[in-house]
Amino acid sequence: MPSTAILREAQKLYAIGDRLDTLADQHPLVSEALMAISGSIRSNATLLEVLVVTKIGPPSGSGPAGA
C-alpha cells in the first residue's frame, strides 16, 4: 500500500533528524546549522504523515510513523 511506503520514508527522515542532532552535539562550530536542518527534516517527515492521513488515509492497524 502506498501509504505504508510513505510512512516508512517519514520514519527514516525522523531517524536522520536524530542523527543530525547527535552530530550537532559533537560539532559545536556547526551545531546551530545542524539543529536547524534537523528541525526542517522533522517538519518534512511530519508533512509526509499529514499528507498520507489527509489524502490517502492511514494504513489499517498502524499508529503514527514517529511512534
PDB file of N, CA and C in Angstrom:
ATOM      1  N   MET A   1       0.850  -1.177   0.000  1.00  0.00           N
ATOM      2  CA  MET A   1       0.000   0.000   0.000  1.00  0.00           C
ATOM      3  C   MET A   1       0.901   1.247   0.000  1.00  0.00           C
ATOM      4  N   PRO A   2       0.579   2.254  -0.817  1.00  0.00           N
ATOM      5  CA  PRO A   2       1.440   3.439  -0.921  1.00  0.00           C
ATOM      6  C   PRO A   2       1.612   4.169   0.410  1.00  0.00           C
ATOM      7  N   SER A   3       0.568   4.188   1.238  1.00  0.00           N
ATOM      8  CA  SER A   3       0.689   4.921   2.497  1.00  0.00           C
ATOM      9  C   SER A   3       1.751   4.296   3.399  1.00  0.00           C
ATOM     10  N   THR A   4       1.872   2.996   3.381  1.00  0.00           N
ATOM     11  CA  THR A   4       2.876   2.329   4.205  1.00  0.00           C
ATOM     12  C   THR A   4       4.283   2.722   3.761  1.00  0.00           C
ATOM     13  N   ALA A   5       4.513   2.764   2.476  1.00  0.00           N
ATOM     14  CA  ALA A   5       5.832   3.132   1.947  1.00  0.00           C
ATOM     15  C   ALA A   5       6.169   4.585   2.294  1.00  0.00           C
ATOM     16  N   ILE A   6       5.202   5.458   2.198  1.00  0.00           N
ATOM     17  CA  ILE A   6       5.446   6.867   2.506  1.00  0.00           C
ATOM     18  C   ILE A   6       5.712   7.039   3.996  1.00  0.00           C
ATOM     19  N   LEU A   7       4.949   6.350   4.832  1.00  0.00           N
ATOM     20  CA  LEU A   7       5.165   6.438   6.274  1.00  0.00           C
ATOM     21  C   LEU A   7       6.528   5.866   6.669  1.00  0.00           C
ATOM     22  N   ARG A   8       6.975   4.850   5.964  1.00  0.00           N
ATOM     23  CA  ARG A   8       8.313   4.295   6.210  1.00  0.00           C
ATOM     24  C   ARG A   8       9.387   5.345   5.907  1.00  0.00           C
ATOM     25  N   GLU A   9       9.192   6.077   4.833  1.00  0.00           N
ATOM     26  CA  GLU A   9      10.140   7.142   4.491  1.00  0.00           C
ATOM     27  C   GLU A   9      10.118   8.242   5.554  1.00  0.00           C
ATOM     28  N   ALA A  10       8.951   8.549   6.087  1.00  0.00           N
ATOM     29  CA  ALA A  10       8.857   9.540   7.160  1.00  0.00           C
ATOM     30  C   ALA A  10       9.653   9.067   8.373  1.00  0.00           C
ATOM     31  N   GLN A  11       9.562   7.794   8.700  1.00  0.00           N
ATOM     32  CA  GLN A  11      10.338   7.243   9.811  1.00  0.00           C
ATOM     33  C   GLN A  11      11.835   7.415   9.564  1.00  0.00           C
ATOM     34  N   LYS A  12      12.254   7.186   8.349  1.00  0.00           N
ATOM     35  CA  LYS A  12      13.666   7.352   8.009  1.00  0.00           C
ATOM     36  C   LYS A  12      14.099   8.807   8.187  1.00  0.00           C
ATOM     37  N   LEU A  13      13.220   9.744   7.805  1.00  0.00           N
ATOM     38  CA  LEU A  13      13.548  11.161   7.962  1.00  0.00           C
ATOM     39  C   LEU A  13      13.685  11.524   9.438  1.00  0.00           C
ATOM     40  N   TYR A  14      12.804  10.995  10.283  1.00  0.00           N
ATOM     41  CA  TYR A  14      12.937  11.246  11.725  1.00  0.00           C
ATOM     42  C   TYR A  14      14.281  10.727  12.234  1.00  0.00           C
ATOM     43  N   ALA A  15      14.695   9.565  11.767  1.00  0.00           N
ATOM     44  CA  ALA A  15      15.980   8.989  12.189  1.00  0.00           C
ATOM     45  C   ALA A  15      17.146   9.863  11.725  1.00  0.00           C
ATOM     46  N   ILE A  16      17.046  10.411  10.534  1.00  0.00           N
ATOM     47  CA  ILE A  16      18.093  11.316  10.039  1.00  0.00           C
ATOM     48  C   ILE A  16      18.160  12.550  10.931  1.00  0.00           C
ATOM     49  N   GLY A  17      17.014  13.080  11.298  1.00  0.00           N
ATOM     50  CA  GLY A  17      16.992  14.220  12.208  1.00  0.00           C
ATOM     51  C   GLY A  17      17.681  13.902  13.521  1.00  0.00           C
ATOM     52  N   ASP A  18      17.434  12.712  14.056  1.00  0.00           N
ATOM     53  CA  ASP A  18      18.090  12.290  15.299  1.00  0.00           C
ATOM     54  C   ASP A  18      19.604  12.214  15.131  1.00  0.00           C
ATOM     55  N   ARG A  19      20.044  11.665  14.007  1.00  0.00           N
ATOM     56  CA  ARG A  19      21.490  11.557  13.767  1.00  0.00           C
ATOM     57  C   ARG A  19      22.134  12.940  13.630  1.00  0.00           C
ATOM     58  N   LEU A  20      21.430  13.867  12.997  1.00  0.00           N
ATOM     59  CA  LEU A  20      21.959  15.227  12.873  1.00  0.00           C
ATOM     60  C   LEU A  20      22.045  15.910  14.236  1.00  0.00           C
ATOM     61  N   ASP A  21      21.083  15.648  15.117  1.00  0.00           N
ATOM     62  CA  ASP A  21      21.151  16.190  16.474  1.00  0.00           C
ATOM     63  C   ASP A  21      22.387  15.666  17.196  1.00  0.00           C
ATOM     64  N   THR A  22      22.675  14.397  17.032  1.00  0.00           N
ATOM     65  CA  THR A  22      23.863  13.808  17.639  1.00  0.00           C
ATOM     66  C   THR A  22      25.124  14.472  17.106  1.00  0.00           C
ATOM     67  N   LEU A  23      25.166  14.663  15.797  1.00  0.00           N
ATOM     68  CA  LEU A  23      26.321  15.336  15.194  1.00  0.00           C
ATOM     69  C   LEU A  23      26.450  16.775  15.689  1.00  0.00           C
ATOM     70  N   ALA A  24      25.310  17.431  15.891  1.00  0.00           N
ATOM     71  CA  ALA A  24      25.344  18.808  16.391  1.00  0.00           C
ATOM     72  C   ALA A  24      25.987  18.863  17.771  1.00  0.00           C
ATOM     73  N   ASP A  25      25.701  17.875  18.604  1.00  0.00           N
ATOM     74  CA  ASP A  25      26.307  17.816  19.936  1.00  0.00           C
ATOM     75  C   ASP A  25      27.821  17.618  19.852  1.00  0.00           C
ATOM     76  N   GLN A  26      28.258  16.922  18.829  1.00  0.00           N
ATOM     77  CA  GLN A  26      29.678  16.592  18.683  1.00  0.00           C
ATOM     78  C   GLN A  26      30.484  17.681  17.966  1.00  0.00           C
ATOM     79  N   HIS A  27      29.803  18.572  17.262  1.00  0.00           N
ATOM     80  CA  HIS A  27      30.497  19.579  16.447  1.00  0.00           C
ATOM     81  C   HIS A  27      29.932  20.977  16.734  1.00  0.00           C
ATOM     82  N   PRO A  28      30.409  21.587  17.803  1.00  0.00           N
ATOM     83  CA  PRO A  28      29.854  22.876  18.228  1.00  0.00           C
ATOM     84  C   PRO A  28      29.930  23.989  17.177  1.00  0.00           C
ATOM     85  N   LEU A  29      30.929  23.949  16.316  1.00  0.00           N
ATOM     86  CA  LEU A  29      31.067  25.019  15.314  1.00  0.00           C
ATOM     87  C   LEU A  29      29.901  25.052  14.319  1.00  0.00           C
ATOM     88  N   VAL A  30      29.304  23.911  14.079  1.00  0.00           N
ATOM     89  CA  VAL A  30      28.185  23.849  13.126  1.00  0.00           C
ATOM     90  C   VAL A  30      26.896  23.378  13.794  1.00  0.00           C
ATOM     91  N   SER A  31      26.902  23.411  15.117  1.00  0.00           N
ATOM     92  CA  SER A  31      25.767  22.901  15.884  1.00  0.00           C
ATOM     93  C   SER A  31      24.452  23.591  15.521  1.00  0.00           C
ATOM     94  N   GLU A  32      24.475  24.905  15.478  1.00  0.00           N
ATOM     95  CA  GLU A  32      23.242  25.650  15.202  1.00  0.00           C
ATOM     96  C   GLU A  32      22.678  25.308  13.829  1.00  0.00           C
ATOM     97  N   ALA A  33      23.539  25.235  12.842  1.00  0.00           N
ATOM     98  CA  ALA A  33      23.091  24.909  11.482  1.00  0.00           C
ATOM     99  C   ALA A  33      22.534  23.485  11.414  1.00  0.00           C
ATOM    100  N   LEU A  34      23.227  22.549  12.060  1.00  0.00           N
ATOM    101  CA  LEU A  34      22.743  21.159  12.050  1.00  0.00           C
ATOM    102  C   LEU A  34      21.404  21.028  12.750  1.00  0.00           C
ATOM    103  N   MET A  35      21.211  21.774  13.835  1.00  0.00           N
ATOM    104  CA  MET A  35      19.928  21.727  14.551  1.00  0.00           C
ATOM    105  C   MET A  35      18.811  22.291  13.672  1.00  0.00           C
ATOM    106  N   ALA A  36      19.105  23.351  12.936  1.00  0.00           N
ATOM    107  CA  ALA A  36      18.103  23.936  12.046  1.00  0.00           C
ATOM    108  C   ALA A  36      17.733  22.956  10.933  1.00  0.00           C
ATOM    109  N   ILE A  37      18.725  22.314  10.373  1.00  0.00           N
ATOM    110  CA  ILE A  37      18.474  21.328   9.306  1.00  0.00           C
ATOM    111  C   ILE A  37      17.694  20.150   9.866  1.00  0.00           C
ATOM    112  N   SER A  38      18.060  19.708  11.054  1.00  0.00           N
ATOM    113  CA  SER A  38      17.365  18.604  11.703  1.00  0.00           C
ATOM    114  C   SER A  38      15.886  18.927  11.892  1.00  0.00           C
ATOM    115  N   GLY A  39      15.610  20.136  12.370  1.00  0.00           N
ATOM    116  CA  GLY A  39      14.217  20.553  12.561  1.00  0.00           C
ATOM    117  C   GLY A  39      13.447  20.595  11.257  1.00  0.00           C
ATOM    118  N   SER A  40      14.098  21.053  10.216  1.00  0.00           N
ATOM    119  CA  SER A  40      13.460  21.106   8.897  1.00  0.00           C
ATOM    120  C   SER A  40      13.130  19.701   8.391  1.00  0.00           C
ATOM    121  N   ILE A  41      14.063  18.785   8.587  1.00  0.00           N
ATOM    122  CA  ILE A  41      13.837  17.409   8.145  1.00  0.00           C
ATOM    123  C   ILE A  41      12.665  16.791   8.904  1.00  0.00           C
ATOM    124  N   ARG A  42      12.612  17.026  10.217  1.00  0.00           N
ATOM    125  CA  ARG A  42      11.497  16.502  11.011  1.00  0.00           C
ATOM    126  C   ARG A  42      10.166  17.113  10.571  1.00  0.00           C
ATOM    127  N   SER A  43      10.193  18.392  10.234  1.00  0.00           N
ATOM    128  CA  SER A  43       8.969  19.041   9.748  1.00  0.00           C
ATOM    129  C   SER A  43       8.493  18.395   8.450  1.00  0.00           C
ATOM    130  N   ASN A  44       9.426  18.078   7.579  1.00  0.00           N
ATOM    131  CA  ASN A  44       9.060  17.420   6.327  1.00  0.00           C
ATOM    132  C   ASN A  44       8.515  16.017   6.575  1.00  0.00           C
ATOM    133  N   ALA A  45       9.079  15.320   7.551  1.00  0.00           N
ATOM    134  CA  ALA A  45       8.552  13.998   7.902  1.00  0.00           C
ATOM    135  C   ALA A  45       7.113  14.121   8.389  1.00  0.00           C
ATOM    136  N   THR A  46       6.862  15.121   9.206  1.00  0.00           N
ATOM    137  CA  THR A  46       5.504  15.341   9.698  1.00  0.00           C
ATOM    138  C   THR A  46       4.557  15.671   8.552  1.00  0.00           C
ATOM    139  N   LEU A  47       5.025  16.484   7.618  1.00  0.00           N
ATOM    140  CA  LEU A  47       4.194  16.812   6.452  1.00  0.00           C
ATOM    141  C   LEU A  47       3.852  15.563   5.641  1.00  0.00           C
ATOM    142  N   LEU A  48       4.797  14.644   5.509  1.00  0.00           N
ATOM    143  CA  LEU A  48       4.507  13.387   4.814  1.00  0.00           C
ATOM    144  C   LEU A  48       3.422  12.607   5.534  1.00  0.00           C
ATOM    145  N   GLU A  49       3.497  12.560   6.855  1.00  0.00           N
ATOM    146  CA  GLU A  49       2.467  11.856   7.629  1.00  0.00           C
ATOM    147  C   GLU A  49       1.100  12.504   7.450  1.00  0.00           C
ATOM    148  N   VAL A  50       1.063  13.831   7.482  1.00  0.00           N
ATOM    149  CA  VAL A  50      -0.199  14.546   7.291  1.00  0.00           C
ATOM    150  C   VAL A  50      -0.739  14.291   5.891  1.00  0.00           C
ATOM    151  N   LEU A  51       0.134  14.298   4.904  1.00  0.00           N
ATOM    152  CA  LEU A  51      -0.281  14.017   3.530  1.00  0.00           C
ATOM    153  C   LEU A  51      -0.945  12.651   3.428  1.00  0.00           C
ATOM    154  N   VAL A  52      -0.341  11.665   4.036  1.00  0.00           N
ATOM    155  CA  VAL A  52      -0.898  10.315   3.991  1.00  0.00           C
ATOM    156  C   VAL A  52      -2.275  10.284   4.633  1.00  0.00           C
ATOM    157  N   VAL A  53      -2.389  10.866   5.813  1.00  0.00           N
ATOM    158  CA  VAL A  53      -3.655  10.804   6.541  1.00  0.00           C
ATOM    159  C   VAL A  53      -4.756  11.559   5.809  1.00  0.00           C
ATOM    160  N   THR A  54      -4.420  12.716   5.237  1.00  0.00           N
ATOM    161  CA  THR A  54      -5.458  13.535   4.616  1.00  0.00           C
ATOM    162  C   THR A  54      -5.793  13.133   3.178  1.00  0.00           C
ATOM    163  N   LYS A  55      -4.841  12.609   2.453  1.00  0.00           N
ATOM    164  CA  LYS A  55      -5.074  12.297   1.039  1.00  0.00           C
ATOM    165  C   LYS A  55      -5.246  10.813   0.749  1.00  0.00           C
ATOM    166  N   ILE A  56      -4.537   9.969   1.473  1.00  0.00           N
ATOM    167  CA  ILE A  56      -4.583   8.533   1.195  1.00  0.00           C
ATOM    168  C   ILE A  56      -5.326   7.796   2.289  1.00  0.00           C
ATOM    169  N   GLY A  57      -5.113   8.222   3.516  1.00  0.00           N
ATOM    170  CA  GLY A  57      -5.663   7.523   4.665  1.00  0.00           C
ATOM    171  C   GLY A  57      -4.609   6.634   5.266  1.00  0.00           C
ATOM    172  N   PRO A  58      -4.622   6.538   6.606  1.00  0.00           N
ATOM    173  CA  PRO A  58      -3.591   5.727   7.253  1.00  0.00           C
ATOM    174  C   PRO A  58      -3.772   4.242   6.940  1.00  0.00           C
ATOM    175  N   PRO A  59      -2.686   3.488   6.925  1.00  0.00           N
ATOM    176  CA  PRO A  59      -2.829   2.045   6.720  1.00  0.00           C
ATOM    177  C   PRO A  59      -3.585   1.458   7.899  1.00  0.00           C
ATOM    178  N   SER A  60      -4.382   0.466   7.646  1.00  0.00           N
ATOM    179  CA  SER A  60      -5.186  -0.111   8.712  1.00  0.00           C
ATOM    180  C   SER A  60      -4.306  -0.721   9.788  1.00  0.00           C
ATOM    181  N   GLY A  61      -4.655  -0.440  11.048  1.00  0.00           N
ATOM    182  CA  GLY A  61      -3.971  -1.034  12.182  1.00  0.00           C
ATOM    183  C   GLY A  61      -2.620  -0.456  12.496  1.00  0.00           C
ATOM    184  N   SER A  62      -2.295   0.749  11.986  1.00  0.00           N
ATOM    185  CA  SER A  62      -0.981   1.309  12.294  1.00  0.00           C
ATOM    186  C   SER A  62      -1.148   2.622  13.018  1.00  0.00           C
ATOM    187  N   GLY A  63      -0.131   2.961  13.819  1.00  0.00           N
ATOM    188  CA  GLY A  63      -0.084   4.223  14.518  1.00  0.00           C
ATOM    189  C   GLY A  63       0.738   5.203  13.713  1.00  0.00           C
ATOM    190  N   PRO A  64       1.070   6.344  14.324  1.00  0.00           N
ATOM    191  CA  PRO A  64       1.893   7.339  13.620  1.00  0.00           C
ATOM    192  C   PRO A  64       3.284   6.804  13.312  1.00  0.00           C
ATOM    193  N   ALA A  65       3.859   7.288  12.231  1.00  0.00           N
ATOM    194  CA  ALA A  65       5.163   6.803  11.793  1.00  0.00           C
ATOM    195  C   ALA A  65       6.251   7.093  12.800  1.00  0.00           C
ATOM    196  N   GLY A  66       6.128   8.166  13.551  1.00  0.00           N
ATOM    197  CA  GLY A  66       7.144   8.515  14.525  1.00  0.00           C
ATOM    198  C   GLY A  66       7.046   7.732  15.818  1.00  0.00           C
ATOM    199  N   ALA A  67       6.036   6.894  15.950  1.00  0.00           N
ATOM    200  CA  ALA A  67       5.846   6.165  17.213  1.00  0.00           C
ATOM    201  C   ALA A  67       6.785   5.010  17.367  1.00  0.00           C
TER     202      ALA A  67
END
